[in-house]
Amino acid sequence: MNSPSTPDWPFTDPKNVAVFTTTQVVQLGQPILYVAHDEDDGAWQFHTGGQQISEDDAMIVALHEIVEHDSTVCELADLPWGWFAEREHVGGPWRRLRR
């Protein structure tokens, strides 16, 4: 069960929950332009967007590591399960869509 968010942590998921991302985000420092909150299990995905993701590039990290990389993803803490959000560039507005 999810715990309520706190003022300093907006997500209902704990800071150490495992999330999916890529080497492009974590190791190469590319921007997060696509975020998905999976419908089946509530898993989070954080990607650069606009490119194919290979299994070799997949990574699992803690949610707090993603927030440390780009704190603007906190704007999506209330993204419902089964929705995704995308933006054209860092600092641009997030566009939320249901899958």
PDB file of N, CA and C in Angstrom:
ATOM      1  N   MET A   1       0.841  -1.180   0.000  1.00  0.00           N
ATOM      2  CA  MET A   1       0.000   0.000   0.000  1.00  0.00           C
ATOM      3  C   MET A   1       0.888   1.246   0.000  1.00  0.00           C
ATOM      4  N   ASN A   2       0.488   2.245  -0.723  1.00  0.00           N
ATOM      5  CA  ASN A   2       1.254   3.480  -0.801  1.00  0.00           C
ATOM      6  C   ASN A   2       1.076   4.307   0.464  1.00  0.00           C
ATOM      7  N   SER A   3       2.154   4.967   0.854  1.00  0.00           N
ATOM      8  CA  SER A   3       2.059   5.877   1.994  1.00  0.00           C
ATOM      9  C   SER A   3       1.776   7.273   1.477  1.00  0.00           C
ATOM     10  N   PRO A   4       1.174   8.119   2.288  1.00  0.00           N
ATOM     11  CA  PRO A   4       0.875   9.471   1.826  1.00  0.00           C
ATOM     12  C   PRO A   4       2.163  10.250   1.567  1.00  0.00           C
ATOM     13  N   SER A   5       2.099  11.156   0.610  1.00  0.00           N
ATOM     14  CA  SER A   5       3.271  11.968   0.308  1.00  0.00           C
ATOM     15  C   SER A   5       3.497  12.986   1.421  1.00  0.00           C
ATOM     16  N   THR A   6       4.717  13.456   1.492  1.00  0.00           N
ATOM     17  CA  THR A   6       5.081  14.477   2.470  1.00  0.00           C
ATOM     18  C   THR A   6       5.493  15.728   1.712  1.00  0.00           C
ATOM     19  N   PRO A   7       5.536  16.867   2.395  1.00  0.00           N
ATOM     20  CA  PRO A   7       5.890  18.111   1.687  1.00  0.00           C
ATOM     21  C   PRO A   7       7.226  18.043   0.954  1.00  0.00           C
ATOM     22  N   ASP A   8       8.187  17.328   1.513  1.00  0.00           N
ATOM     23  CA  ASP A   8       9.487  17.255   0.862  1.00  0.00           C
ATOM     24  C   ASP A   8       9.597  16.092  -0.119  1.00  0.00           C
ATOM     25  N   TRP A   9       8.613  15.225  -0.167  1.00  0.00           N
ATOM     26  CA  TRP A   9       8.593  14.092  -1.106  1.00  0.00           C
ATOM     27  C   TRP A   9       7.186  13.967  -1.670  1.00  0.00           C
ATOM     28  N   PRO A  10       6.957  14.401  -2.899  1.00  0.00           N
ATOM     29  CA  PRO A  10       5.600  14.468  -3.436  1.00  0.00           C
ATOM     30  C   PRO A  10       5.011  13.138  -3.902  1.00  0.00           C
ATOM     31  N   PHE A  11       5.846  12.138  -4.126  1.00  0.00           N
ATOM     32  CA  PHE A  11       5.348  10.857  -4.619  1.00  0.00           C
ATOM     33  C   PHE A  11       4.731  10.041  -3.489  1.00  0.00           C
ATOM     34  N   THR A  12       3.700   9.253  -3.787  1.00  0.00           N
ATOM     35  CA  THR A  12       3.166   8.329  -2.807  1.00  0.00           C
ATOM     36  C   THR A  12       4.059   7.100  -2.693  1.00  0.00           C
ATOM     37  N   ASP A  13       4.851   6.835  -3.726  1.00  0.00           N
ATOM     38  CA  ASP A  13       5.820   5.746  -3.681  1.00  0.00           C
ATOM     39  C   ASP A  13       7.014   6.175  -2.835  1.00  0.00           C
ATOM     40  N   PRO A  14       7.642   5.219  -2.145  1.00  0.00           N
ATOM     41  CA  PRO A  14       8.818   5.579  -1.350  1.00  0.00           C
ATOM     42  C   PRO A  14      10.007   5.980  -2.225  1.00  0.00           C
ATOM     43  N   LYS A  15      10.939   6.686  -1.634  1.00  0.00           N
ATOM     44  CA  LYS A  15      12.111   7.166  -2.368  1.00  0.00           C
ATOM     45  C   LYS A  15      12.913   6.035  -2.994  1.00  0.00           C
ATOM     46  N   ASN A  16      12.896   4.874  -2.355  1.00  0.00           N
ATOM     47  CA  ASN A  16      13.719   3.773  -2.846  1.00  0.00           C
ATOM     48  C   ASN A  16      12.974   2.801  -3.756  1.00  0.00           C
ATOM     49  N   VAL A  17      11.760   3.134  -4.182  1.00  0.00           N
ATOM     50  CA  VAL A  17      11.037   2.236  -5.084  1.00  0.00           C
ATOM     51  C   VAL A  17      11.823   2.129  -6.399  1.00  0.00           C
ATOM     52  N   ALA A  18      11.881   0.917  -6.937  1.00  0.00           N
ATOM     53  CA  ALA A  18      12.593   0.680  -8.189  1.00  0.00           C
ATOM     54  C   ALA A  18      11.798   1.237  -9.361  1.00  0.00           C
ATOM     55  N   VAL A  19      12.482   1.943 -10.249  1.00  0.00           N
ATOM     56  CA  VAL A  19      11.859   2.499 -11.454  1.00  0.00           C
ATOM     57  C   VAL A  19      12.717   2.138 -12.661  1.00  0.00           C
ATOM     58  N   PHE A  20      12.106   2.195 -13.827  1.00  0.00           N
ATOM     59  CA  PHE A  20      12.797   1.857 -15.062  1.00  0.00           C
ATOM     60  C   PHE A  20      13.298   3.124 -15.748  1.00  0.00           C
ATOM     61  N   THR A  21      14.486   3.038 -16.289  1.00  0.00           N
ATOM     62  CA  THR A  21      15.069   4.134 -17.053  1.00  0.00           C
ATOM     63  C   THR A  21      16.094   3.547 -18.012  1.00  0.00           C
ATOM     64  N   THR A  22      16.978   4.384 -18.522  1.00  0.00           N
ATOM     65  CA  THR A  22      17.977   3.921 -19.483  1.00  0.00           C
ATOM     66  C   THR A  22      19.360   4.470 -19.152  1.00  0.00           C
ATOM     67  N   THR A  23      20.354   3.871 -19.765  1.00  0.00           N
ATOM     68  CA  THR A  23      21.724   4.368 -19.610  1.00  0.00           C
ATOM     69  C   THR A  23      21.849   5.784 -20.164  1.00  0.00           C
ATOM     70  N   GLN A  24      21.039   6.123 -21.167  1.00  0.00           N
ATOM     71  CA  GLN A  24      21.090   7.473 -21.735  1.00  0.00           C
ATOM     72  C   GLN A  24      20.756   8.517 -20.680  1.00  0.00           C
ATOM     73  N   VAL A  25      19.799   8.218 -19.817  1.00  0.00           N
ATOM     74  CA  VAL A  25      19.409   9.151 -18.762  1.00  0.00           C
ATOM     75  C   VAL A  25      20.438   9.142 -17.630  1.00  0.00           C
ATOM     76  N   VAL A  26      20.737   7.975 -17.108  1.00  0.00           N
ATOM     77  CA  VAL A  26      21.560   7.873 -15.898  1.00  0.00           C
ATOM     78  C   VAL A  26      23.044   8.101 -16.177  1.00  0.00           C
ATOM     79  N   GLN A  27      23.573   7.439 -17.184  1.00  0.00           N
ATOM     80  CA  GLN A  27      25.017   7.493 -17.414  1.00  0.00           C
ATOM     81  C   GLN A  27      25.439   8.611 -18.360  1.00  0.00           C
ATOM     82  N   LEU A  28      24.592   8.937 -19.334  1.00  0.00           N
ATOM     83  CA  LEU A  28      24.950   9.973 -20.304  1.00  0.00           C
ATOM     84  C   LEU A  28      24.341  11.333 -19.979  1.00  0.00           C
ATOM     85  N   GLY A  29      23.455  11.380 -18.978  1.00  0.00           N
ATOM     86  CA  GLY A  29      22.872  12.643 -18.538  1.00  0.00           C
ATOM     87  C   GLY A  29      21.891  13.272 -19.501  1.00  0.00           C
ATOM     88  N   GLN A  30      21.307  12.466 -20.391  1.00  0.00           N
ATOM     89  CA  GLN A  30      20.323  13.007 -21.329  1.00  0.00           C
ATOM     90  C   GLN A  30      19.036  13.359 -20.584  1.00  0.00           C
ATOM     91  N   PRO A  31      18.259  14.291 -21.125  1.00  0.00           N
ATOM     92  CA  PRO A  31      17.058  14.758 -20.421  1.00  0.00           C
ATOM     93  C   PRO A  31      15.930  13.731 -20.415  1.00  0.00           C
ATOM     94  N   ILE A  32      15.132  13.802 -19.369  1.00  0.00           N
ATOM     95  CA  ILE A  32      13.920  12.989 -19.290  1.00  0.00           C
ATOM     96  C   ILE A  32      12.808  13.769 -19.981  1.00  0.00           C
ATOM     97  N   LEU A  33      12.310  13.202 -21.072  1.00  0.00           N
ATOM     98  CA  LEU A  33      11.259  13.859 -21.848  1.00  0.00           C
ATOM     99  C   LEU A  33       9.983  13.026 -21.913  1.00  0.00           C
ATOM    100  N   TYR A  34      10.028  11.815 -21.363  1.00  0.00           N
ATOM    101  CA  TYR A  34       8.879  10.907 -21.395  1.00  0.00           C
ATOM    102  C   TYR A  34       8.813  10.162 -20.068  1.00  0.00           C
ATOM    103  N   VAL A  35       7.652  10.188 -19.434  1.00  0.00           N
ATOM    104  CA  VAL A  35       7.426   9.493 -18.169  1.00  0.00           C
ATOM    105  C   VAL A  35       6.135   8.695 -18.297  1.00  0.00           C
ATOM    106  N   ALA A  36       6.181   7.439 -17.890  1.00  0.00           N
ATOM    107  CA  ALA A  36       4.986   6.594 -17.903  1.00  0.00           C
ATOM    108  C   ALA A  36       4.745   6.033 -16.508  1.00  0.00           C
ATOM    109  N   HIS A  37       3.464   5.928 -16.149  1.00  0.00           N
ATOM    110  CA  HIS A  37       3.059   5.298 -14.895  1.00  0.00           C
ATOM    111  C   HIS A  37       2.179   4.116 -15.301  1.00  0.00           C
ATOM    112  N   ASP A  38       2.758   2.935 -15.318  1.00  0.00           N
ATOM    113  CA  ASP A  38       2.121   1.757 -15.899  1.00  0.00           C
ATOM    114  C   ASP A  38       0.794   1.411 -15.241  1.00  0.00           C
ATOM    115  N   GLU A  39      -0.140   0.997 -16.086  1.00  0.00           N
ATOM    116  CA  GLU A  39      -1.499   0.703 -15.638  1.00  0.00           C
ATOM    117  C   GLU A  39      -1.586  -0.579 -14.820  1.00  0.00           C
ATOM    118  N   ASP A  40      -0.833  -1.602 -15.201  1.00  0.00           N
ATOM    119  CA  ASP A  40      -0.973  -2.909 -14.558  1.00  0.00           C
ATOM    120  C   ASP A  40      -0.417  -2.963 -13.144  1.00  0.00           C
ATOM    121  N   ASP A  41       0.740  -2.319 -12.927  1.00  0.00           N
ATOM    122  CA  ASP A  41       1.400  -2.467 -11.631  1.00  0.00           C
ATOM    123  C   ASP A  41       1.869  -1.153 -11.013  1.00  0.00           C
ATOM    124  N   GLY A  42       1.612  -0.044 -11.681  1.00  0.00           N
ATOM    125  CA  GLY A  42       2.009   1.254 -11.144  1.00  0.00           C
ATOM    126  C   GLY A  42       3.484   1.559 -11.251  1.00  0.00           C
ATOM    127  N   ALA A  43       4.216   0.750 -12.008  1.00  0.00           N
ATOM    128  CA  ALA A  43       5.651   0.986 -12.178  1.00  0.00           C
ATOM    129  C   ALA A  43       5.880   2.293 -12.942  1.00  0.00           C
ATOM    130  N   TRP A  44       6.951   2.978 -12.573  1.00  0.00           N
ATOM    131  CA  TRP A  44       7.329   4.227 -13.234  1.00  0.00           C
ATOM    132  C   TRP A  44       8.402   3.950 -14.279  1.00  0.00           C
ATOM    133  N   GLN A  45       8.334   4.704 -15.391  1.00  0.00           N
ATOM    134  CA  GLN A  45       9.367   4.656 -16.420  1.00  0.00           C
ATOM    135  C   GLN A  45       9.769   6.088 -16.758  1.00  0.00           C
ATOM    136  N   PHE A  46      11.070   6.318 -16.879  1.00  0.00           N
ATOM    137  CA  PHE A  46      11.612   7.644 -17.177  1.00  0.00           C
ATOM    138  C   PHE A  46      12.583   7.510 -18.345  1.00  0.00           C
ATOM    139  N   HIS A  47      12.237   8.126 -19.490  1.00  0.00           N
ATOM    140  CA  HIS A  47      13.024   7.949 -20.705  1.00  0.00           C
ATOM    141  C   HIS A  47      13.301   9.292 -21.390  1.00  0.00           C
ATOM    142  N   THR A  48      14.210   9.226 -22.349  1.00  0.00           N
ATOM    143  CA  THR A  48      14.557  10.430 -23.101  1.00  0.00           C
ATOM    144  C   THR A  48      13.496  10.767 -24.140  1.00  0.00           C
ATOM    145  N   GLY A  49      12.731   9.789 -24.560  1.00  0.00           N
ATOM    146  CA  GLY A  49      11.666  10.015 -25.540  1.00  0.00           C
ATOM    147  C   GLY A  49      12.204  10.076 -26.953  1.00  0.00           C
ATOM    148  N   GLY A  50      11.353   9.713 -27.899  1.00  0.00           N
ATOM    149  CA  GLY A  50      11.678   9.857 -29.312  1.00  0.00           C
ATOM    150  C   GLY A  50      12.715   8.901 -29.861  1.00  0.00           C
ATOM    151  N   GLN A  51      13.119   7.921 -29.093  1.00  0.00           N
ATOM    152  CA  GLN A  51      14.079   6.962 -29.624  1.00  0.00           C
ATOM    153  C   GLN A  51      13.752   5.569 -29.129  1.00  0.00           C
ATOM    154  N   GLN A  52      14.151   4.574 -29.912  1.00  0.00           N
ATOM    155  CA  GLN A  52      13.938   3.191 -29.519  1.00  0.00           C
ATOM    156  C   GLN A  52      14.826   2.864 -28.321  1.00  0.00           C
ATOM    157  N   ILE A  53      14.309   2.081 -27.408  1.00  0.00           N
ATOM    158  CA  ILE A  53      15.058   1.661 -26.237  1.00  0.00           C
ATOM    159  C   ILE A  53      15.403   0.187 -26.401  1.00  0.00           C
ATOM    160  N   SER A  54      16.676  -0.122 -26.313  1.00  0.00           N
ATOM    161  CA  SER A  54      17.069  -1.522 -26.402  1.00  0.00           C
ATOM    162  C   SER A  54      17.178  -2.096 -24.993  1.00  0.00           C
ATOM    163  N   GLU A  55      17.076  -3.406 -24.893  1.00  0.00           N
ATOM    164  CA  GLU A  55      17.206  -4.059 -23.594  1.00  0.00           C
ATOM    165  C   GLU A  55      18.575  -3.779 -22.980  1.00  0.00           C
ATOM    166  N   ASP A  56      19.584  -3.624 -23.818  1.00  0.00           N
ATOM    167  CA  ASP A  56      20.937  -3.350 -23.328  1.00  0.00           C
ATOM    168  C   ASP A  56      21.030  -2.003 -22.618  1.00  0.00           C
ATOM    169  N   ASP A  57      20.128  -1.081 -22.944  1.00  0.00           N
ATOM    170  CA  ASP A  57      20.138   0.253 -22.353  1.00  0.00           C
ATOM    171  C   ASP A  57      19.278   0.357 -21.093  1.00  0.00           C
ATOM    172  N   ALA A  58      18.477  -0.668 -20.816  1.00  0.00           N
ATOM    173  CA  ALA A  58      17.547  -0.625 -19.686  1.00  0.00           C
ATOM    174  C   ALA A  58      18.304  -0.627 -18.364  1.00  0.00           C
ATOM    175  N   MET A  59      17.795   0.152 -17.419  1.00  0.00           N
ATOM    176  CA  MET A  59      18.346   0.212 -16.073  1.00  0.00           C
ATOM    177  C   MET A  59      17.209   0.281 -15.066  1.00  0.00           C
ATOM    178  N   ILE A  60      17.470  -0.211 -13.876  1.00  0.00           N
ATOM    179  CA  ILE A  60      16.548  -0.064 -12.759  1.00  0.00           C
ATOM    180  C   ILE A  60      17.292   0.713 -11.684  1.00  0.00           C
ATOM    181  N   VAL A  61      16.686   1.821 -11.266  1.00  0.00           N
ATOM    182  CA  VAL A  61      17.285   2.671 -10.231  1.00  0.00           C
ATOM    183  C   VAL A  61      16.197   3.044  -9.230  1.00  0.00           C
ATOM    184  N   ALA A  62      16.597   3.664  -8.145  1.00  0.00           N
ATOM    185  CA  ALA A  62      15.635   4.143  -7.153  1.00  0.00           C
ATOM    186  C   ALA A  62      15.010   5.451  -7.638  1.00  0.00           C
ATOM    187  N   LEU A  63      13.753   5.664  -7.296  1.00  0.00           N
ATOM    188  CA  LEU A  63      13.038   6.873  -7.709  1.00  0.00           C
ATOM    189  C   LEU A  63      13.778   8.138  -7.293  1.00  0.00           C
ATOM    190  N   HIS A  64      14.378   8.135  -6.112  1.00  0.00           N
ATOM    191  CA  HIS A  64      15.087   9.347  -5.667  1.00  0.00           C
ATOM    192  C   HIS A  64      16.262   9.682  -6.583  1.00  0.00           C
ATOM    193  N   GLU A  65      16.854   8.685  -7.242  1.00  0.00           N
ATOM    194  CA  GLU A  65      17.945   8.952  -8.180  1.00  0.00           C
ATOM    195  C   GLU A  65      17.436   9.715  -9.405  1.00  0.00           C
ATOM    196  N   ILE A  66      16.237   9.387  -9.842  1.00  0.00           N
ATOM    197  CA  ILE A  66      15.629  10.104 -10.965  1.00  0.00           C
ATOM    198  C   ILE A  66      15.333  11.543 -10.556  1.00  0.00           C
ATOM    199  N   VAL A  67      14.780  11.726  -9.361  1.00  0.00           N
ATOM    200  CA  VAL A  67      14.463  13.076  -8.870  1.00  0.00           C
ATOM    201  C   VAL A  67      15.744  13.900  -8.736  1.00  0.00           C
ATOM    202  N   GLU A  68      16.827  13.276  -8.291  1.00  0.00           N
ATOM    203  CA  GLU A  68      18.104  13.979  -8.194  1.00  0.00           C
ATOM    204  C   GLU A  68      18.616  14.377  -9.576  1.00  0.00           C
ATOM    205  N   HIS A  69      18.360  13.548 -10.576  1.00  0.00           N
ATOM    206  CA  HIS A  69      18.766  13.844 -11.951  1.00  0.00           C
ATOM    207  C   HIS A  69      17.953  15.001 -12.528  1.00  0.00           C
ATOM    208  N   ASP A  70      16.647  15.001 -12.247  1.00  0.00           N
ATOM    209  CA  ASP A  70      15.751  16.031 -12.801  1.00  0.00           C
ATOM    210  C   ASP A  70      14.552  16.207 -11.877  1.00  0.00           C
ATOM    211  N   SER A  71      14.625  17.193 -11.016  1.00  0.00           N
ATOM    212  CA  SER A  71      13.560  17.393 -10.023  1.00  0.00           C
ATOM    213  C   SER A  71      12.233  17.813 -10.640  1.00  0.00           C
ATOM    214  N   THR A  72      12.215  18.229 -11.906  1.00  0.00           N
ATOM    215  CA  THR A  72      10.945  18.620 -12.520  1.00  0.00           C
ATOM    216  C   THR A  72      10.004  17.434 -12.701  1.00  0.00           C
ATOM    217  N   VAL A  73      10.515  16.204 -12.605  1.00  0.00           N
ATOM    218  CA  VAL A  73       9.613  15.051 -12.688  1.00  0.00           C
ATOM    219  C   VAL A  73       8.672  15.008 -11.488  1.00  0.00           C
ATOM    220  N   CYS A  74       8.987  15.744 -10.421  1.00  0.00           N
ATOM    221  CA  CYS A  74       8.086  15.816  -9.262  1.00  0.00           C
ATOM    222  C   CYS A  74       6.742  16.427  -9.646  1.00  0.00           C
ATOM    223  N   GLU A  75       6.714  17.196 -10.724  1.00  0.00           N
ATOM    224  CA  GLU A  75       5.452  17.753 -11.221  1.00  0.00           C
ATOM    225  C   GLU A  75       4.489  16.646 -11.636  1.00  0.00           C
ATOM    226  N   LEU A  76       5.014  15.440 -11.848  1.00  0.00           N
ATOM    227  CA  LEU A  76       4.206  14.309 -12.318  1.00  0.00           C
ATOM    228  C   LEU A  76       3.905  13.307 -11.210  1.00  0.00           C
ATOM    229  N   ALA A  77       4.182  13.659  -9.968  1.00  0.00           N
ATOM    230  CA  ALA A  77       3.982  12.733  -8.851  1.00  0.00           C
ATOM    231  C   ALA A  77       2.545  12.234  -8.750  1.00  0.00           C
ATOM    232  N   ASP A  78       1.598  13.019  -9.228  1.00  0.00           N
ATOM    233  CA  ASP A  78       0.187  12.621  -9.167  1.00  0.00           C
ATOM    234  C   ASP A  78      -0.311  12.005 -10.482  1.00  0.00           C
ATOM    235  N   LEU A  79       0.598  11.664 -11.386  1.00  0.00           N
ATOM    236  CA  LEU A  79       0.212  11.052 -12.661  1.00  0.00           C
ATOM    237  C   LEU A  79      -0.482   9.722 -12.379  1.00  0.00           C
ATOM    238  N   PRO A  80      -1.715   9.553 -12.833  1.00  0.00           N
ATOM    239  CA  PRO A  80      -2.448   8.318 -12.532  1.00  0.00           C
ATOM    240  C   PRO A  80      -1.849   7.099 -13.229  1.00  0.00           C
ATOM    241  N   TRP A  81      -2.108   5.936 -12.660  1.00  0.00           N
ATOM    242  CA  TRP A  81      -1.730   4.685 -13.309  1.00  0.00           C
ATOM    243  C   TRP A  81      -2.374   4.657 -14.698  1.00  0.00           C
ATOM    244  N   GLY A  82      -1.631   4.203 -15.691  1.00  0.00           N
ATOM    245  CA  GLY A  82      -2.149   4.097 -17.051  1.00  0.00           C
ATOM    246  C   GLY A  82      -1.990   5.376 -17.864  1.00  0.00           C
ATOM    247  N   TRP A  83      -1.311   6.371 -17.322  1.00  0.00           N
ATOM    248  CA  TRP A  83      -1.080   7.624 -18.022  1.00  0.00           C
ATOM    249  C   TRP A  83       0.407   7.795 -18.314  1.00  0.00           C
ATOM    250  N   PHE A  84       0.714   8.664 -19.269  1.00  0.00           N
ATOM    251  CA  PHE A  84       2.089   9.042 -19.529  1.00  0.00           C
ATOM    252  C   PHE A  84       2.139  10.540 -19.752  1.00  0.00           C
ATOM    253  N   ALA A  85       3.336  11.075 -19.683  1.00  0.00           N
ATOM    254  CA  ALA A  85       3.523  12.509 -19.908  1.00  0.00           C
ATOM    255  C   ALA A  85       4.764  12.683 -20.765  1.00  0.00           C
ATOM    256  N   GLU A  86       4.728  13.696 -21.612  1.00  0.00           N
ATOM    257  CA  GLU A  86       5.876  13.983 -22.456  1.00  0.00           C
ATOM    258  C   GLU A  86       6.044  15.483 -22.605  1.00  0.00           C
ATOM    259  N   ARG A  87       7.241  15.868 -22.971  1.00  0.00           N
ATOM    260  CA  ARG A  87       7.538  17.280 -23.216  1.00  0.00           C
ATOM    261  C   ARG A  87       8.601  17.350 -24.307  1.00  0.00           C
ATOM    262  N   GLU A  88       8.717  18.512 -24.916  1.00  0.00           N
ATOM    263  CA  GLU A  88       9.655  18.665 -26.024  1.00  0.00           C
ATOM    264  C   GLU A  88      11.077  18.932 -25.565  1.00  0.00           C
ATOM    265  N   HIS A  89      11.228  19.567 -24.397  1.00  0.00           N
ATOM    266  CA  HIS A  89      12.564  19.912 -23.897  1.00  0.00           C
ATOM    267  C   HIS A  89      12.488  20.134 -22.396  1.00  0.00           C
ATOM    268  N   VAL A  90      13.643  20.085 -21.754  1.00  0.00           N
ATOM    269  CA  VAL A  90      13.701  20.348 -20.317  1.00  0.00           C
ATOM    270  C   VAL A  90      13.205  21.766 -20.068  1.00  0.00           C
ATOM    271  N   GLY A  91      12.346  21.924 -19.098  1.00  0.00           N
ATOM    272  CA  GLY A  91      11.758  23.222 -18.796  1.00  0.00           C
ATOM    273  C   GLY A  91      10.455  23.469 -19.532  1.00  0.00           C
ATOM    274  N   GLY A  92      10.183  22.648 -20.555  1.00  0.00           N
ATOM    275  CA  GLY A  92       8.931  22.765 -21.294  1.00  0.00           C
ATOM    276  C   GLY A  92       7.791  22.153 -20.497  1.00  0.00           C
ATOM    277  N   PRO A  93       6.561  22.499 -20.860  1.00  0.00           N
ATOM    278  CA  PRO A  93       5.412  21.968 -20.130  1.00  0.00           C
ATOM    279  C   PRO A  93       5.212  20.479 -20.408  1.00  0.00           C
ATOM    280  N   TRP A  94       4.815  19.756 -19.377  1.00  0.00           N
ATOM    281  CA  TRP A  94       4.466  18.350 -19.540  1.00  0.00           C
ATOM    282  C   TRP A  94       3.077  18.251 -20.142  1.00  0.00           C
ATOM    283  N   ARG A  95       2.905  17.363 -21.091  1.00  0.00           N
ATOM    284  CA  ARG A  95       1.602  17.074 -21.676  1.00  0.00           C
ATOM    285  C   ARG A  95       1.202  15.681 -21.184  1.00  0.00           C
ATOM    286  N   ARG A  96       0.105  15.607 -20.437  1.00  0.00           N
ATOM    287  CA  ARG A  96      -0.356  14.351 -19.851  1.00  0.00           C
ATOM    288  C   ARG A  96      -1.388  13.695 -20.759  1.00  0.00           C
ATOM    289  N   LEU A  97      -1.230  12.381 -20.955  1.00  0.00           N
ATOM    290  CA  LEU A  97      -2.137  11.629 -21.814  1.00  0.00           C
ATOM    291  C   LEU A  97      -2.411  10.268 -21.202  1.00  0.00           C
ATOM    292  N   ARG A  98      -3.641   9.814 -21.421  1.00  0.00           N
ATOM    293  CA  ARG A  98      -4.001   8.450 -20.987  1.00  0.00           C
ATOM    294  C   ARG A  98      -3.621   7.484 -22.099  1.00  0.00           C
ATOM    295  N   ARG A  99      -3.113   6.351 -21.727  1.00  0.00           N
ATOM    296  CA  ARG A  99      -2.731   5.335 -22.735  1.00  0.00           C
ATOM    297  C   ARG A  99      -3.933   4.763 -23.413  1.00  0.00           C
TER     298      ARG A  99
END
